[in-house]
Amino acid sequence: MPAPRVLVAEDEMIVAFDLCNTVEEAGYIVEGPHGDIKSAMKALENGTPDIAILDVNLTDGETFELAEMLIAQNVPVIFHSGHFSPDEVNARFPMAQACAKPCPPQKLLVAVQQALSIPS
């Protein structure tokens, strides 16, 4: 069985590459990083990811519509944001997880494992 595919949407390039490296080193296939919604949506044309890590604010707007679309396709979403608290995100998306920036890599990987129901 192939490794799960993780869509990463983050517009702060240092954070984006750090996220991608963390996810890839844990054995996942990385789709991204995507710095804007348009790029992330275009990536979905190539297939649905197994999970998505989304910054709330990208260069071209908030990712809430993208998150709603992914959730409707049963794709787990983890919001990774420094602008919205986990409580604010969870109030709008109770089925999603939220990690406040800066988030330690191990905590983010645990969130990915939980979302994919992989034992840690």
N, C-alpha and C. Protein backbone atom coordinates (compact mmCIF):
# COMPACT_ATOMS: atom_id res chain seq x y z
N MET A 1 0.84 -1.17 0.00
CA MET A 1 0.00 0.00 0.00
C MET A 1 0.90 1.24 0.00
N PRO A 2 0.63 2.18 -0.92
CA PRO A 2 1.47 3.38 -0.97
C PRO A 2 1.27 4.26 0.27
N ALA A 3 2.28 5.05 0.54
CA ALA A 3 2.22 5.97 1.69
C ALA A 3 1.10 6.99 1.46
N PRO A 4 0.47 7.45 2.52
CA PRO A 4 -0.57 8.47 2.38
C PRO A 4 -0.02 9.76 1.76
N ARG A 5 -0.84 10.39 0.94
CA ARG A 5 -0.48 11.65 0.27
C ARG A 5 -1.00 12.81 1.09
N VAL A 6 -0.12 13.77 1.40
CA VAL A 6 -0.44 14.91 2.24
C VAL A 6 -0.36 16.19 1.42
N LEU A 7 -1.47 16.90 1.28
CA LEU A 7 -1.49 18.20 0.62
C LEU A 7 -1.06 19.25 1.65
N VAL A 8 -0.05 20.04 1.31
CA VAL A 8 0.42 21.11 2.20
C VAL A 8 0.17 22.45 1.52
N ALA A 9 -0.61 23.29 2.19
CA ALA A 9 -0.91 24.64 1.69
C ALA A 9 -0.43 25.64 2.75
N GLU A 10 0.66 26.32 2.44
CA GLU A 10 1.31 27.25 3.37
C GLU A 10 2.04 28.30 2.55
N ASP A 11 1.83 29.58 2.86
CA ASP A 11 2.45 30.64 2.07
C ASP A 11 3.74 31.20 2.64
N GLU A 12 4.09 30.86 3.86
CA GLU A 12 5.38 31.27 4.43
C GLU A 12 6.38 30.19 4.04
N MET A 13 7.25 30.50 3.08
CA MET A 13 8.09 29.47 2.47
C MET A 13 8.97 28.71 3.45
N ILE A 14 9.55 29.36 4.44
CA ILE A 14 10.39 28.64 5.41
C ILE A 14 9.53 27.62 6.17
N VAL A 15 8.35 28.06 6.60
CA VAL A 15 7.43 27.17 7.30
C VAL A 15 6.97 26.05 6.37
N ALA A 16 6.67 26.42 5.12
CA ALA A 16 6.18 25.44 4.14
C ALA A 16 7.19 24.33 3.91
N PHE A 17 8.45 24.70 3.68
CA PHE A 17 9.46 23.68 3.42
C PHE A 17 9.75 22.86 4.67
N ASP A 18 9.69 23.48 5.83
CA ASP A 18 9.87 22.75 7.08
C ASP A 18 8.75 21.71 7.25
N LEU A 19 7.51 22.14 6.98
CA LEU A 19 6.36 21.22 7.06
C LEU A 19 6.54 20.05 6.10
N CYS A 20 6.88 20.38 4.86
CA CYS A 20 7.04 19.34 3.85
C CYS A 20 8.14 18.36 4.23
N ASN A 21 9.27 18.88 4.71
CA ASN A 21 10.37 18.00 5.12
C ASN A 21 9.95 17.11 6.28
N THR A 22 9.25 17.67 7.25
CA THR A 22 8.79 16.90 8.41
C THR A 22 7.88 15.76 7.96
N VAL A 23 6.94 16.06 7.10
CA VAL A 23 5.97 15.07 6.63
C VAL A 23 6.66 14.01 5.76
N GLU A 24 7.54 14.46 4.90
CA GLU A 24 8.24 13.53 4.01
C GLU A 24 9.17 12.60 4.80
N GLU A 25 9.90 13.16 5.77
CA GLU A 25 10.80 12.34 6.59
C GLU A 25 10.03 11.31 7.41
N ALA A 26 8.75 11.56 7.67
CA ALA A 26 7.92 10.61 8.41
C ALA A 26 7.36 9.52 7.49
N GLY A 27 7.68 9.61 6.19
CA GLY A 27 7.28 8.56 5.27
C GLY A 27 6.05 8.83 4.42
N TYR A 28 5.54 10.04 4.48
CA TYR A 28 4.37 10.39 3.68
C TYR A 28 4.80 10.99 2.34
N ILE A 29 3.90 10.94 1.37
CA ILE A 29 4.11 11.58 0.08
C ILE A 29 3.56 13.00 0.19
N VAL A 30 4.38 13.98 -0.18
CA VAL A 30 3.99 15.38 -0.04
C VAL A 30 3.51 15.94 -1.36
N GLU A 31 2.37 16.60 -1.33
CA GLU A 31 1.85 17.36 -2.47
C GLU A 31 1.96 18.82 -2.06
N GLY A 32 2.94 19.52 -2.60
CA GLY A 32 3.12 20.92 -2.25
C GLY A 32 4.57 21.21 -1.95
N PRO A 33 4.82 22.34 -1.39
CA PRO A 33 3.86 23.25 -0.75
C PRO A 33 3.17 24.16 -1.77
N HIS A 34 1.96 24.51 -1.44
CA HIS A 34 1.16 25.42 -2.26
C HIS A 34 0.99 26.71 -1.47
N GLY A 35 1.43 27.82 -2.05
CA GLY A 35 1.37 29.10 -1.37
C GLY A 35 0.09 29.86 -1.57
N ASP A 36 -0.76 29.34 -2.47
CA ASP A 36 -2.05 30.00 -2.70
C ASP A 36 -3.13 28.96 -2.96
N ILE A 37 -4.36 29.40 -2.82
CA ILE A 37 -5.51 28.51 -2.98
C ILE A 37 -5.59 27.98 -4.41
N LYS A 38 -5.33 28.86 -5.36
CA LYS A 38 -5.41 28.47 -6.78
C LYS A 38 -4.49 27.29 -7.06
N SER A 39 -3.27 27.33 -6.57
CA SER A 39 -2.32 26.24 -6.77
C SER A 39 -2.79 24.96 -6.08
N ALA A 40 -3.30 25.08 -4.87
CA ALA A 40 -3.79 23.91 -4.13
C ALA A 40 -4.98 23.28 -4.85
N MET A 41 -5.87 24.12 -5.36
CA MET A 41 -7.05 23.60 -6.09
C MET A 41 -6.61 22.90 -7.37
N LYS A 42 -5.63 23.46 -8.05
CA LYS A 42 -5.12 22.84 -9.27
C LYS A 42 -4.51 21.47 -8.96
N ALA A 43 -3.84 21.36 -7.83
CA ALA A 43 -3.25 20.07 -7.43
C ALA A 43 -4.32 19.01 -7.24
N LEU A 44 -5.51 19.42 -6.82
CA LEU A 44 -6.60 18.46 -6.61
C LEU A 44 -7.07 17.83 -7.92
N GLU A 45 -6.78 18.50 -9.04
CA GLU A 45 -7.14 17.93 -10.34
C GLU A 45 -6.36 16.64 -10.61
N ASN A 46 -5.21 16.50 -9.95
CA ASN A 46 -4.38 15.30 -10.14
C ASN A 46 -4.73 14.18 -9.18
N GLY A 47 -5.72 14.40 -8.34
CA GLY A 47 -6.14 13.37 -7.41
C GLY A 47 -6.38 13.93 -6.02
N THR A 48 -7.20 13.24 -5.28
CA THR A 48 -7.56 13.65 -3.93
C THR A 48 -6.49 13.18 -2.95
N PRO A 49 -5.99 14.08 -2.11
CA PRO A 49 -5.00 13.66 -1.11
C PRO A 49 -5.66 12.83 -0.02
N ASP A 50 -4.85 12.17 0.78
CA ASP A 50 -5.37 11.40 1.91
C ASP A 50 -5.62 12.30 3.11
N ILE A 51 -4.92 13.44 3.17
CA ILE A 51 -5.05 14.39 4.26
C ILE A 51 -4.52 15.73 3.77
N ALA A 52 -4.95 16.81 4.41
CA ALA A 52 -4.47 18.15 4.04
C ALA A 52 -4.06 18.92 5.28
N ILE A 53 -2.93 19.61 5.17
CA ILE A 53 -2.48 20.53 6.20
C ILE A 53 -2.58 21.92 5.58
N LEU A 54 -3.48 22.75 6.15
CA LEU A 54 -3.78 24.05 5.55
C LEU A 54 -3.49 25.18 6.51
N ASP A 55 -2.72 26.16 6.04
CA ASP A 55 -2.65 27.44 6.74
C ASP A 55 -4.00 28.10 6.46
N VAL A 56 -4.54 28.84 7.39
CA VAL A 56 -5.84 29.50 7.16
C VAL A 56 -5.71 30.60 6.13
N ASN A 57 -4.65 31.41 6.23
CA ASN A 57 -4.47 32.53 5.32
C ASN A 57 -3.35 32.24 4.33
N LEU A 58 -3.71 32.20 3.05
CA LEU A 58 -2.71 32.08 1.99
C LEU A 58 -2.64 33.40 1.23
N THR A 59 -1.78 33.49 0.25
CA THR A 59 -1.59 34.76 -0.45
C THR A 59 -2.84 35.26 -1.15
N ASP A 60 -3.74 34.36 -1.52
CA ASP A 60 -4.95 34.78 -2.23
C ASP A 60 -6.24 34.58 -1.42
N GLY A 61 -6.14 34.48 -0.10
CA GLY A 61 -7.34 34.41 0.73
C GLY A 61 -7.30 33.31 1.76
N GLU A 62 -8.46 33.13 2.42
CA GLU A 62 -8.61 32.10 3.45
C GLU A 62 -8.94 30.76 2.83
N THR A 63 -8.50 29.71 3.47
CA THR A 63 -8.65 28.35 2.92
C THR A 63 -9.94 27.66 3.34
N PHE A 64 -10.87 28.38 3.92
CA PHE A 64 -12.08 27.74 4.43
C PHE A 64 -12.88 27.02 3.34
N GLU A 65 -13.01 27.63 2.17
CA GLU A 65 -13.76 26.98 1.08
C GLU A 65 -13.04 25.71 0.62
N LEU A 66 -11.72 25.77 0.52
CA LEU A 66 -10.93 24.59 0.17
C LEU A 66 -11.12 23.50 1.22
N ALA A 67 -11.10 23.89 2.49
CA ALA A 67 -11.30 22.92 3.58
C ALA A 67 -12.67 22.27 3.48
N GLU A 68 -13.69 23.07 3.23
CA GLU A 68 -15.05 22.52 3.11
C GLU A 68 -15.13 21.52 1.98
N MET A 69 -14.47 21.82 0.86
CA MET A 69 -14.48 20.91 -0.29
C MET A 69 -13.77 19.60 0.06
N LEU A 70 -12.63 19.70 0.73
CA LEU A 70 -11.89 18.50 1.11
C LEU A 70 -12.68 17.66 2.12
N ILE A 71 -13.25 18.31 3.11
CA ILE A 71 -14.03 17.60 4.12
C ILE A 71 -15.23 16.90 3.49
N ALA A 72 -15.85 17.54 2.50
CA ALA A 72 -16.98 16.92 1.79
C ALA A 72 -16.54 15.66 1.05
N GLN A 73 -15.25 15.58 0.72
CA GLN A 73 -14.69 14.39 0.06
C GLN A 73 -14.06 13.42 1.06
N ASN A 74 -14.37 13.63 2.35
CA ASN A 74 -13.86 12.79 3.44
C ASN A 74 -12.34 12.83 3.58
N VAL A 75 -11.75 13.98 3.25
CA VAL A 75 -10.32 14.18 3.44
C VAL A 75 -10.13 14.87 4.79
N PRO A 76 -9.40 14.26 5.71
CA PRO A 76 -9.14 14.93 6.99
C PRO A 76 -8.33 16.21 6.77
N VAL A 77 -8.66 17.24 7.54
CA VAL A 77 -7.99 18.53 7.42
C VAL A 77 -7.38 18.90 8.77
N ILE A 78 -6.14 19.35 8.70
CA ILE A 78 -5.46 19.92 9.86
C ILE A 78 -5.15 21.37 9.52
N PHE A 79 -5.71 22.30 10.28
CA PHE A 79 -5.37 23.70 10.08
C PHE A 79 -4.11 24.00 10.87
N HIS A 80 -3.20 24.71 10.24
CA HIS A 80 -1.92 25.08 10.85
C HIS A 80 -1.82 26.59 10.70
N SER A 81 -2.15 27.31 11.77
CA SER A 81 -2.29 28.76 11.63
C SER A 81 -1.72 29.52 12.82
N GLY A 82 -1.22 30.69 12.52
CA GLY A 82 -0.78 31.61 13.56
C GLY A 82 -1.76 32.74 13.76
N HIS A 83 -2.80 32.79 12.91
CA HIS A 83 -3.77 33.89 12.96
C HIS A 83 -5.10 33.51 13.58
N PHE A 84 -5.42 32.23 13.55
CA PHE A 84 -6.66 31.74 14.13
C PHE A 84 -6.30 30.72 15.20
N SER A 85 -6.94 30.83 16.35
CA SER A 85 -6.65 29.88 17.42
C SER A 85 -7.31 28.54 17.10
N PRO A 86 -6.80 27.47 17.69
CA PRO A 86 -7.47 26.18 17.51
C PRO A 86 -8.95 26.23 17.89
N ASP A 87 -9.30 26.99 18.94
CA ASP A 87 -10.71 27.10 19.33
C ASP A 87 -11.55 27.75 18.24
N GLU A 88 -11.01 28.81 17.61
CA GLU A 88 -11.75 29.48 16.53
C GLU A 88 -11.95 28.55 15.34
N VAL A 89 -10.90 27.81 14.99
CA VAL A 89 -11.00 26.87 13.88
C VAL A 89 -11.98 25.76 14.22
N ASN A 90 -11.86 25.19 15.42
CA ASN A 90 -12.74 24.10 15.81
C ASN A 90 -14.20 24.52 15.90
N ALA A 91 -14.46 25.78 16.22
CA ALA A 91 -15.84 26.26 16.26
C ALA A 91 -16.46 26.22 14.86
N ARG A 92 -15.66 26.51 13.85
CA ARG A 92 -16.15 26.52 12.47
C ARG A 92 -16.08 25.13 11.82
N PHE A 93 -15.04 24.38 12.18
CA PHE A 93 -14.82 23.05 11.60
C PHE A 93 -14.59 22.03 12.71
N PRO A 94 -15.65 21.59 13.38
CA PRO A 94 -15.47 20.67 14.51
C PRO A 94 -14.86 19.32 14.10
N MET A 95 -14.97 18.97 12.82
CA MET A 95 -14.42 17.69 12.37
C MET A 95 -12.94 17.79 11.99
N ALA A 96 -12.39 19.00 12.01
CA ALA A 96 -10.97 19.20 11.66
C ALA A 96 -10.14 19.33 12.93
N GLN A 97 -8.84 19.17 12.75
CA GLN A 97 -7.90 19.42 13.83
C GLN A 97 -7.25 20.78 13.59
N ALA A 98 -6.69 21.36 14.63
CA ALA A 98 -6.01 22.64 14.49
C ALA A 98 -4.75 22.64 15.32
N CYS A 99 -3.67 23.12 14.73
CA CYS A 99 -2.39 23.26 15.41
C CYS A 99 -1.96 24.72 15.28
N ALA A 100 -1.73 25.36 16.40
CA ALA A 100 -1.30 26.75 16.38
C ALA A 100 0.18 26.84 16.05
N LYS A 101 0.53 27.81 15.20
CA LYS A 101 1.94 28.06 14.91
C LYS A 101 2.55 28.83 16.07
N PRO A 102 3.76 28.56 16.42
CA PRO A 102 4.60 27.47 15.89
C PRO A 102 4.22 26.14 16.55
N CYS A 103 4.15 25.12 15.74
CA CYS A 103 3.76 23.80 16.22
C CYS A 103 4.97 22.87 16.13
N PRO A 104 5.34 22.24 17.23
CA PRO A 104 6.47 21.30 17.17
C PRO A 104 6.19 20.19 16.14
N PRO A 105 7.21 19.81 15.37
CA PRO A 105 7.00 18.79 14.34
C PRO A 105 6.35 17.51 14.86
N GLN A 106 6.77 17.04 16.03
CA GLN A 106 6.21 15.79 16.56
C GLN A 106 4.72 15.92 16.84
N LYS A 107 4.29 17.08 17.33
CA LYS A 107 2.87 17.31 17.60
C LYS A 107 2.07 17.29 16.30
N LEU A 108 2.63 17.88 15.25
CA LEU A 108 1.96 17.88 13.95
C LEU A 108 1.86 16.46 13.40
N LEU A 109 2.92 15.68 13.54
CA LEU A 109 2.88 14.30 13.05
C LEU A 109 1.88 13.45 13.83
N VAL A 110 1.75 13.70 15.12
CA VAL A 110 0.73 12.99 15.90
C VAL A 110 -0.66 13.35 15.38
N ALA A 111 -0.87 14.63 15.05
CA ALA A 111 -2.17 15.06 14.50
C ALA A 111 -2.44 14.36 13.17
N VAL A 112 -1.41 14.23 12.34
CA VAL A 112 -1.57 13.53 11.06
C VAL A 112 -1.92 12.06 11.31
N GLN A 113 -1.20 11.42 12.22
CA GLN A 113 -1.46 10.01 12.52
C GLN A 113 -2.89 9.83 13.05
N GLN A 114 -3.31 10.73 13.94
CA GLN A 114 -4.67 10.64 14.48
C GLN A 114 -5.71 10.83 13.39
N ALA A 115 -5.48 11.80 12.51
CA ALA A 115 -6.44 12.06 11.45
C ALA A 115 -6.55 10.88 10.48
N LEU A 116 -5.43 10.22 10.27
CA LEU A 116 -5.42 9.05 9.38
C LEU A 116 -5.70 7.76 10.14
N SER A 117 -5.87 7.86 11.47
CA SER A 117 -6.10 6.69 12.35
C SER A 117 -4.96 5.68 12.27
N ILE A 118 -3.73 6.22 12.28
CA ILE A 118 -2.54 5.37 12.28
C ILE A 118 -2.02 5.34 13.72
N PRO A 119 -1.80 4.16 14.28
CA PRO A 119 -1.26 4.11 15.64
C PRO A 119 0.10 4.77 15.69
N SER A 120 0.36 5.57 16.75
CA SER A 120 1.66 6.26 16.85
C SER A 120 2.71 5.37 17.46
